[in-house]
Amino acid sequence: MDGSDDLPGSDSERIIERGETYSHTKHGQIEVTGIWKGVNQVDKAHHADERDTFIVRYSAEVNGEEVDGLTDTLDEFVQYIE
């Protein structure tokens, strides 16, 4: 690997980045507040296969209130924003 944030074995070109906003099918407009693999935070991630579990934390407005700390696995998150 060349030191970039590319994941080995990833066959998707979709990149999710911390600080970016996305349209989420369940929660509408959301902002990614963190991307985690194990105990390490990363700044961006590619779609991962089953051997790599990434967690995406995001904030959204739910019932008129700002909610931070919503989470999905990276695979689930990508499904909700596609």
PDB file of N, CA and C in Angstrom:
ATOM      1  N   MET A   1       0.830  -1.179   0.000  1.00  0.00           N
ATOM      2  CA  MET A   1       0.000   0.000   0.000  1.00  0.00           C
ATOM      3  C   MET A   1       0.874   1.241   0.000  1.00  0.00           C
ATOM      4  N   ASP A   2       0.380   2.328  -0.513  1.00  0.00           N
ATOM      5  CA  ASP A   2       1.185   3.529  -0.670  1.00  0.00           C
ATOM      6  C   ASP A   2       1.022   4.532   0.463  1.00  0.00           C
ATOM      7  N   GLY A   3       0.432   4.146   1.600  1.00  0.00           N
ATOM      8  CA  GLY A   3       0.259   5.053   2.717  1.00  0.00           C
ATOM      9  C   GLY A   3      -1.026   5.858   2.660  1.00  0.00           C
ATOM     10  N   SER A   4      -1.819   5.685   1.610  1.00  0.00           N
ATOM     11  CA  SER A   4      -3.096   6.387   1.519  1.00  0.00           C
ATOM     12  C   SER A   4      -4.111   5.687   2.402  1.00  0.00           C
ATOM     13  N   ASP A   5      -5.341   6.196   2.433  1.00  0.00           N
ATOM     14  CA  ASP A   5      -6.393   5.595   3.239  1.00  0.00           C
ATOM     15  C   ASP A   5      -7.148   4.508   2.493  1.00  0.00           C
ATOM     16  N   ASP A   6      -6.648   4.044   1.339  1.00  0.00           N
ATOM     17  CA  ASP A   6      -7.301   2.994   0.578  1.00  0.00           C
ATOM     18  C   ASP A   6      -7.303   1.700   1.382  1.00  0.00           C
ATOM     19  N   LEU A   7      -8.394   0.975   1.321  1.00  0.00           N
ATOM     20  CA  LEU A   7      -8.493  -0.303   2.003  1.00  0.00           C
ATOM     21  C   LEU A   7      -8.150  -1.428   1.047  1.00  0.00           C
ATOM     22  N   PRO A   8      -7.403  -2.411   1.506  1.00  0.00           N
ATOM     23  CA  PRO A   8      -7.107  -3.543   0.637  1.00  0.00           C
ATOM     24  C   PRO A   8      -8.367  -4.326   0.326  1.00  0.00           C
ATOM     25  N   GLY A   9      -8.505  -4.770  -0.923  1.00  0.00           N
ATOM     26  CA  GLY A   9      -9.619  -5.609  -1.307  1.00  0.00           C
ATOM     27  C   GLY A   9     -10.921  -4.867  -1.533  1.00  0.00           C
ATOM     28  N   SER A  10     -10.933  -3.555  -1.430  1.00  0.00           N
ATOM     29  CA  SER A  10     -12.163  -2.807  -1.632  1.00  0.00           C
ATOM     30  C   SER A  10     -12.467  -2.714  -3.120  1.00  0.00           C
ATOM     31  N   ASP A  11     -13.693  -3.109  -3.498  1.00  0.00           N
ATOM     32  CA  ASP A  11     -14.033  -3.057  -4.913  1.00  0.00           C
ATOM     33  C   ASP A  11     -14.973  -1.898  -5.234  1.00  0.00           C
ATOM     34  N   SER A  12     -15.257  -1.040  -4.269  1.00  0.00           N
ATOM     35  CA  SER A  12     -16.141   0.096  -4.507  1.00  0.00           C
ATOM     36  C   SER A  12     -15.333   1.379  -4.544  1.00  0.00           C
ATOM     37  N   GLU A  13     -15.751   2.305  -5.386  1.00  0.00           N
ATOM     38  CA  GLU A  13     -15.076   3.593  -5.474  1.00  0.00           C
ATOM     39  C   GLU A  13     -15.718   4.629  -4.564  1.00  0.00           C
ATOM     40  N   ARG A  14     -16.780   4.259  -3.861  1.00  0.00           N
ATOM     41  CA  ARG A  14     -17.497   5.193  -2.991  1.00  0.00           C
ATOM     42  C   ARG A  14     -16.633   5.538  -1.784  1.00  0.00           C
ATOM     43  N   ILE A  15     -16.413   6.824  -1.540  1.00  0.00           N
ATOM     44  CA  ILE A  15     -15.635   7.269  -0.391  1.00  0.00           C
ATOM     45  C   ILE A  15     -16.548   8.065   0.527  1.00  0.00           C
ATOM     46  N   ILE A  16     -16.525   7.731   1.795  1.00  0.00           N
ATOM     47  CA  ILE A  16     -17.272   8.459   2.822  1.00  0.00           C
ATOM     48  C   ILE A  16     -16.235   9.259   3.604  1.00  0.00           C
ATOM     49  N   GLU A  17     -16.495  10.552   3.836  1.00  0.00           N
ATOM     50  CA  GLU A  17     -15.528  11.389   4.528  1.00  0.00           C
ATOM     51  C   GLU A  17     -16.131  12.065   5.745  1.00  0.00           C
ATOM     52  N   ARG A  18     -15.337  12.136   6.809  1.00  0.00           N
ATOM     53  CA  ARG A  18     -15.744  12.830   8.028  1.00  0.00           C
ATOM     54  C   ARG A  18     -15.922  14.312   7.717  1.00  0.00           C
ATOM     55  N   GLY A  19     -16.989  14.911   8.243  1.00  0.00           N
ATOM     56  CA  GLY A  19     -17.271  16.322   8.020  1.00  0.00           C
ATOM     57  C   GLY A  19     -18.138  16.603   6.806  1.00  0.00           C
ATOM     58  N   GLU A  20     -18.368  15.596   5.968  1.00  0.00           N
ATOM     59  CA  GLU A  20     -19.192  15.768   4.770  1.00  0.00           C
ATOM     60  C   GLU A  20     -20.664  15.502   5.103  1.00  0.00           C
ATOM     61  N   THR A  21     -21.553  16.080   4.302  1.00  0.00           N
ATOM     62  CA  THR A  21     -22.984  15.834   4.467  1.00  0.00           C
ATOM     63  C   THR A  21     -23.480  14.919   3.351  1.00  0.00           C
ATOM     64  N   TYR A  22     -24.481  14.106   3.683  1.00  0.00           N
ATOM     65  CA  TYR A  22     -25.052  13.140   2.749  1.00  0.00           C
ATOM     66  C   TYR A  22     -26.555  13.113   2.940  1.00  0.00           C
ATOM     67  N   SER A  23     -27.267  12.656   1.935  1.00  0.00           N
ATOM     68  CA  SER A  23     -28.711  12.462   2.035  1.00  0.00           C
ATOM     69  C   SER A  23     -28.962  11.013   2.441  1.00  0.00           C
ATOM     70  N   HIS A  24     -29.487  10.815   3.636  1.00  0.00           N
ATOM     71  CA  HIS A  24     -29.714   9.501   4.238  1.00  0.00           C
ATOM     72  C   HIS A  24     -31.195   9.151   4.078  1.00  0.00           C
ATOM     73  N   THR A  25     -31.513   7.949   3.605  1.00  0.00           N
ATOM     74  CA  THR A  25     -32.906   7.599   3.334  1.00  0.00           C
ATOM     75  C   THR A  25     -33.776   7.573   4.589  1.00  0.00           C
ATOM     76  N   LYS A  26     -33.206   7.314   5.754  1.00  0.00           N
ATOM     77  CA  LYS A  26     -33.984   7.291   6.999  1.00  0.00           C
ATOM     78  C   LYS A  26     -34.037   8.649   7.695  1.00  0.00           C
ATOM     79  N   HIS A  27     -32.947   9.414   7.641  1.00  0.00           N
ATOM     80  CA  HIS A  27     -32.813  10.610   8.463  1.00  0.00           C
ATOM     81  C   HIS A  27     -32.684  11.910   7.678  1.00  0.00           C
ATOM     82  N   GLY A  28     -32.774  11.840   6.351  1.00  0.00           N
ATOM     83  CA  GLY A  28     -32.634  13.058   5.550  1.00  0.00           C
ATOM     84  C   GLY A  28     -31.187  13.519   5.475  1.00  0.00           C
ATOM     85  N   GLN A  29     -30.969  14.819   5.561  1.00  0.00           N
ATOM     86  CA  GLN A  29     -29.615  15.378   5.458  1.00  0.00           C
ATOM     87  C   GLN A  29     -28.859  15.103   6.754  1.00  0.00           C
ATOM     88  N   ILE A  30     -27.698  14.445   6.657  1.00  0.00           N
ATOM     89  CA  ILE A  30     -26.890  14.106   7.833  1.00  0.00           C
ATOM     90  C   ILE A  30     -25.456  14.568   7.608  1.00  0.00           C
ATOM     91  N   GLU A  31     -24.694  14.673   8.692  1.00  0.00           N
ATOM     92  CA  GLU A  31     -23.269  14.992   8.607  1.00  0.00           C
ATOM     93  C   GLU A  31     -22.473  13.903   9.303  1.00  0.00           C
ATOM     94  N   VAL A  32     -21.441  13.384   8.627  1.00  0.00           N
ATOM     95  CA  VAL A  32     -20.578  12.362   9.207  1.00  0.00           C
ATOM     96  C   VAL A  32     -19.674  13.031  10.237  1.00  0.00           C
ATOM     97  N   THR A  33     -19.723  12.542  11.482  1.00  0.00           N
ATOM     98  CA  THR A  33     -18.914  13.118  12.554  1.00  0.00           C
ATOM     99  C   THR A  33     -17.743  12.225  12.950  1.00  0.00           C
ATOM    100  N   GLY A  34     -17.726  10.981  12.472  1.00  0.00           N
ATOM    101  CA  GLY A  34     -16.605  10.099  12.783  1.00  0.00           C
ATOM    102  C   GLY A  34     -16.669   8.821  11.974  1.00  0.00           C
ATOM    103  N   ILE A  35     -15.499   8.252  11.710  1.00  0.00           N
ATOM    104  CA  ILE A  35     -15.385   6.957  11.048  1.00  0.00           C
ATOM    105  C   ILE A  35     -14.390   6.156  11.878  1.00  0.00           C
ATOM    106  N   TRP A  36     -14.803   4.982  12.335  1.00  0.00           N
ATOM    107  CA  TRP A  36     -13.987   4.210  13.271  1.00  0.00           C
ATOM    108  C   TRP A  36     -13.729   2.799  12.764  1.00  0.00           C
ATOM    109  N   LYS A  37     -12.523   2.326  12.968  1.00  0.00           N
ATOM    110  CA  LYS A  37     -12.163   0.927  12.737  1.00  0.00           C
ATOM    111  C   LYS A  37     -11.508   0.460  14.024  1.00  0.00           C
ATOM    112  N   GLY A  38     -12.140  -0.457  14.689  1.00  0.00           N
ATOM    113  CA  GLY A  38     -11.620  -0.873  15.992  1.00  0.00           C
ATOM    114  C   GLY A  38     -11.632   0.316  16.934  1.00  0.00           C
ATOM    115  N   VAL A  39     -10.472   0.663  17.486  1.00  0.00           N
ATOM    116  CA  VAL A  39     -10.392   1.801  18.398  1.00  0.00           C
ATOM    117  C   VAL A  39      -9.743   3.018  17.751  1.00  0.00           C
ATOM    118  N   ASN A  40      -9.426   2.939  16.459  1.00  0.00           N
ATOM    119  CA  ASN A  40      -8.752   4.046  15.782  1.00  0.00           C
ATOM    120  C   ASN A  40      -9.711   4.835  14.921  1.00  0.00           C
ATOM    121  N   GLN A  41      -9.655   6.175  15.035  1.00  0.00           N
ATOM    122  CA  GLN A  41     -10.479   7.031  14.186  1.00  0.00           C
ATOM    123  C   GLN A  41      -9.719   7.290  12.895  1.00  0.00           C
ATOM    124  N   VAL A  42     -10.450   7.317  11.789  1.00  0.00           N
ATOM    125  CA  VAL A  42      -9.849   7.617  10.491  1.00  0.00           C
ATOM    126  C   VAL A  42     -10.600   8.782   9.870  1.00  0.00           C
ATOM    127  N   ASP A  43     -10.023   9.432   8.876  1.00  0.00           N
ATOM    128  CA  ASP A  43     -10.639  10.593   8.250  1.00  0.00           C
ATOM    129  C   ASP A  43     -11.531  10.257   7.068  1.00  0.00           C
ATOM    130  N   LYS A  44     -11.301   9.111   6.428  1.00  0.00           N
ATOM    131  CA  LYS A  44     -12.172   8.685   5.335  1.00  0.00           C
ATOM    132  C   LYS A  44     -12.017   7.191   5.152  1.00  0.00           C
ATOM    133  N   ALA A  45     -12.975   6.578   4.455  1.00  0.00           N
ATOM    134  CA  ALA A  45     -12.924   5.130   4.251  1.00  0.00           C
ATOM    135  C   ALA A  45     -13.601   4.785   2.940  1.00  0.00           C
ATOM    136  N   HIS A  46     -13.119   3.762   2.308  1.00  0.00           N
ATOM    137  CA  HIS A  46     -13.777   3.187   1.135  1.00  0.00           C
ATOM    138  C   HIS A  46     -14.735   2.117   1.625  1.00  0.00           C
ATOM    139  N   HIS A  47     -15.685   1.735   0.786  1.00  0.00           N
ATOM    140  CA  HIS A  47     -16.591   0.630   1.088  1.00  0.00           C
ATOM    141  C   HIS A  47     -15.743  -0.596   1.432  1.00  0.00           C
ATOM    142  N   ALA A  48     -16.029  -1.263   2.553  1.00  0.00           N
ATOM    143  CA  ALA A  48     -15.209  -2.384   3.018  1.00  0.00           C
ATOM    144  C   ALA A  48     -15.937  -3.710   2.838  1.00  0.00           C
ATOM    145  N   ASP A  49     -15.168  -4.776   2.716  1.00  0.00           N
ATOM    146  CA  ASP A  49     -15.791  -6.097   2.682  1.00  0.00           C
ATOM    147  C   ASP A  49     -15.933  -6.620   4.112  1.00  0.00           C
ATOM    148  N   GLU A  50     -16.400  -7.861   4.284  1.00  0.00           N
ATOM    149  CA  GLU A  50     -16.725  -8.378   5.608  1.00  0.00           C
ATOM    150  C   GLU A  50     -15.535  -8.503   6.546  1.00  0.00           C
ATOM    151  N   ARG A  51     -14.335  -8.581   6.045  1.00  0.00           N
ATOM    152  CA  ARG A  51     -13.193  -8.740   6.950  1.00  0.00           C
ATOM    153  C   ARG A  51     -12.787  -7.434   7.608  1.00  0.00           C
ATOM    154  N   ASP A  52     -13.291  -6.309   7.144  1.00  0.00           N
ATOM    155  CA  ASP A  52     -13.006  -5.007   7.733  1.00  0.00           C
ATOM    156  C   ASP A  52     -14.311  -4.390   8.211  1.00  0.00           C
ATOM    157  N   THR A  53     -14.428  -4.172   9.511  1.00  0.00           N
ATOM    158  CA  THR A  53     -15.635  -3.548  10.031  1.00  0.00           C
ATOM    159  C   THR A  53     -15.333  -2.099  10.375  1.00  0.00           C
ATOM    160  N   PHE A  54     -16.007  -1.204   9.689  1.00  0.00           N
ATOM    161  CA  PHE A  54     -15.900   0.226   9.953  1.00  0.00           C
ATOM    162  C   PHE A  54     -17.249   0.704  10.476  1.00  0.00           C
ATOM    163  N   ILE A  55     -17.214   1.637  11.403  1.00  0.00           N
ATOM    164  CA  ILE A  55     -18.418   2.238  11.955  1.00  0.00           C
ATOM    165  C   ILE A  55     -18.433   3.712  11.559  1.00  0.00           C
ATOM    166  N   VAL A  56     -19.573   4.163  11.034  1.00  0.00           N
ATOM    167  CA  VAL A  56     -19.744   5.568  10.659  1.00  0.00           C
ATOM    168  C   VAL A  56     -20.685   6.193  11.680  1.00  0.00           C
ATOM    169  N   ARG A  57     -20.215   7.261  12.342  1.00  0.00           N
ATOM    170  CA  ARG A  57     -21.048   8.013  13.283  1.00  0.00           C
ATOM    171  C   ARG A  57     -21.489   9.289  12.586  1.00  0.00           C
ATOM    172  N   TYR A  58     -22.759   9.664  12.765  1.00  0.00           N
ATOM    173  CA  TYR A  58     -23.267  10.852  12.087  1.00  0.00           C
ATOM    174  C   TYR A  58     -24.318  11.548  12.935  1.00  0.00           C
ATOM    175  N   SER A  59     -24.563  12.809  12.595  1.00  0.00           N
ATOM    176  CA  SER A  59     -25.605  13.579  13.277  1.00  0.00           C
ATOM    177  C   SER A  59     -26.719  13.868  12.291  1.00  0.00           C
ATOM    178  N   ALA A  60     -27.928  14.014  12.828  1.00  0.00           N
ATOM    179  CA  ALA A  60     -29.110  14.282  12.000  1.00  0.00           C
ATOM    180  C   ALA A  60     -30.133  15.020  12.841  1.00  0.00           C
ATOM    181  N   GLU A  61     -31.111  15.586  12.172  1.00  0.00           N
ATOM    182  CA  GLU A  61     -32.242  16.180  12.875  1.00  0.00           C
ATOM    183  C   GLU A  61     -33.352  15.134  12.919  1.00  0.00           C
ATOM    184  N   VAL A  62     -33.724  14.715  14.139  1.00  0.00           N
ATOM    185  CA  VAL A  62     -34.749  13.706  14.334  1.00  0.00           C
ATOM    186  C   VAL A  62     -35.864  14.326  15.168  1.00  0.00           C
ATOM    187  N   ASN A  63     -37.073  14.355  14.622  1.00  0.00           N
ATOM    188  CA  ASN A  63     -38.223  14.960  15.303  1.00  0.00           C
ATOM    189  C   ASN A  63     -37.940  16.394  15.729  1.00  0.00           C
ATOM    190  N   GLY A  64     -37.261  17.146  14.868  1.00  0.00           N
ATOM    191  CA  GLY A  64     -36.988  18.551  15.133  1.00  0.00           C
ATOM    192  C   GLY A  64     -35.821  18.817  16.065  1.00  0.00           C
ATOM    193  N   GLU A  65     -35.132  17.794  16.538  1.00  0.00           N
ATOM    194  CA  GLU A  65     -33.995  17.967  17.436  1.00  0.00           C
ATOM    195  C   GLU A  65     -32.729  17.397  16.807  1.00  0.00           C
ATOM    196  N   GLU A  66     -31.598  18.087  17.018  1.00  0.00           N
ATOM    197  CA  GLU A  66     -30.308  17.622  16.525  1.00  0.00           C
ATOM    198  C   GLU A  66     -29.856  16.421  17.356  1.00  0.00           C
ATOM    199  N   VAL A  67     -29.578  15.315  16.688  1.00  0.00           N
ATOM    200  CA  VAL A  67     -29.131  14.098  17.362  1.00  0.00           C
ATOM    201  C   VAL A  67     -27.749  13.744  16.831  1.00  0.00           C
ATOM    202  N   ASP A  68     -26.773  13.651  17.727  1.00  0.00           N
ATOM    203  CA  ASP A  68     -25.418  13.252  17.354  1.00  0.00           C
ATOM    204  C   ASP A  68     -25.180  11.859  17.924  1.00  0.00           C
ATOM    205  N   GLY A  69     -24.370  11.089  17.276  1.00  0.00           N
ATOM    206  CA  GLY A  69     -24.056   9.768  17.789  1.00  0.00           C
ATOM    207  C   GLY A  69     -24.850   8.644  17.152  1.00  0.00           C
ATOM    208  N   LEU A  70     -25.565   8.923  16.057  1.00  0.00           N
ATOM    209  CA  LEU A  70     -26.190   7.841  15.310  1.00  0.00           C
ATOM    210  C   LEU A  70     -25.083   7.053  14.617  1.00  0.00           C
ATOM    211  N   THR A  71     -25.209   5.738  14.529  1.00  0.00           N
ATOM    212  CA  THR A  71     -24.154   4.936  13.919  1.00  0.00           C
ATOM    213  C   THR A  71     -24.716   3.852  13.013  1.00  0.00           C
ATOM    214  N   ASP A  72     -23.937   3.511  12.004  1.00  0.00           N
ATOM    215  CA  ASP A  72     -24.183   2.381  11.118  1.00  0.00           C
ATOM    216  C   ASP A  72     -22.830   1.779  10.797  1.00  0.00           C
ATOM    217  N   THR A  73     -22.820   0.502  10.401  1.00  0.00           N
ATOM    218  CA  THR A  73     -21.586  -0.011   9.820  1.00  0.00           C
ATOM    219  C   THR A  73     -21.403   0.714   8.485  1.00  0.00           C
ATOM    220  N   LEU A  74     -20.212   0.718   7.964  1.00  0.00           N
ATOM    221  CA  LEU A  74     -19.954   1.384   6.691  1.00  0.00           C
ATOM    222  C   LEU A  74     -20.832   0.805   5.591  1.00  0.00           C
ATOM    223  N   ASP A  75     -20.984  -0.518   5.550  1.00  0.00           N
ATOM    224  CA  ASP A  75     -21.829  -1.146   4.533  1.00  0.00           C
ATOM    225  C   ASP A  75     -23.278  -0.677   4.632  1.00  0.00           C
ATOM    226  N   GLU A  76     -23.823  -0.626   5.860  1.00  0.00           N
ATOM    227  CA  GLU A  76     -25.196  -0.150   6.041  1.00  0.00           C
ATOM    228  C   GLU A  76     -25.313   1.312   5.627  1.00  0.00           C
ATOM    229  N   PHE A  77     -24.362   2.120   6.051  1.00  0.00           N
ATOM    230  CA  PHE A  77     -24.383   3.547   5.749  1.00  0.00           C
ATOM    231  C   PHE A  77     -24.418   3.792   4.243  1.00  0.00           C
ATOM    232  N   VAL A  78     -23.570   3.081   3.515  1.00  0.00           N
ATOM    233  CA  VAL A  78     -23.522   3.235   2.051  1.00  0.00           C
ATOM    234  C   VAL A  78     -24.871   2.852   1.424  1.00  0.00           C
ATOM    235  N   GLN A  79     -25.511   1.827   1.951  1.00  0.00           N
ATOM    236  CA  GLN A  79     -26.834   1.427   1.426  1.00  0.00           C
ATOM    237  C   GLN A  79     -27.876   2.525   1.659  1.00  0.00           C
ATOM    238  N   TYR A  80     -27.812   3.186   2.809  1.00  0.00           N
ATOM    239  CA  TYR A  80     -28.788   4.226   3.133  1.00  0.00           C
ATOM    240  C   TYR A  80     -28.586   5.505   2.331  1.00  0.00           C
ATOM    241  N   ILE A  81     -27.375   5.760   1.847  1.00  0.00           N
ATOM    242  CA  ILE A  81     -27.157   7.010   1.112  1.00  0.00           C
ATOM    243  C   ILE A  81     -27.129   6.820  -0.396  1.00  0.00           C
ATOM    244  N   GLU A  82     -27.235   5.611  -0.881  1.00  0.00           N
ATOM    245  CA  GLU A  82     -27.222   5.394  -2.333  1.00  0.00           C
ATOM    246  C   GLU A  82     -28.591   5.506  -2.918  1.00  0.00           C
TER     247      GLU A  82
END
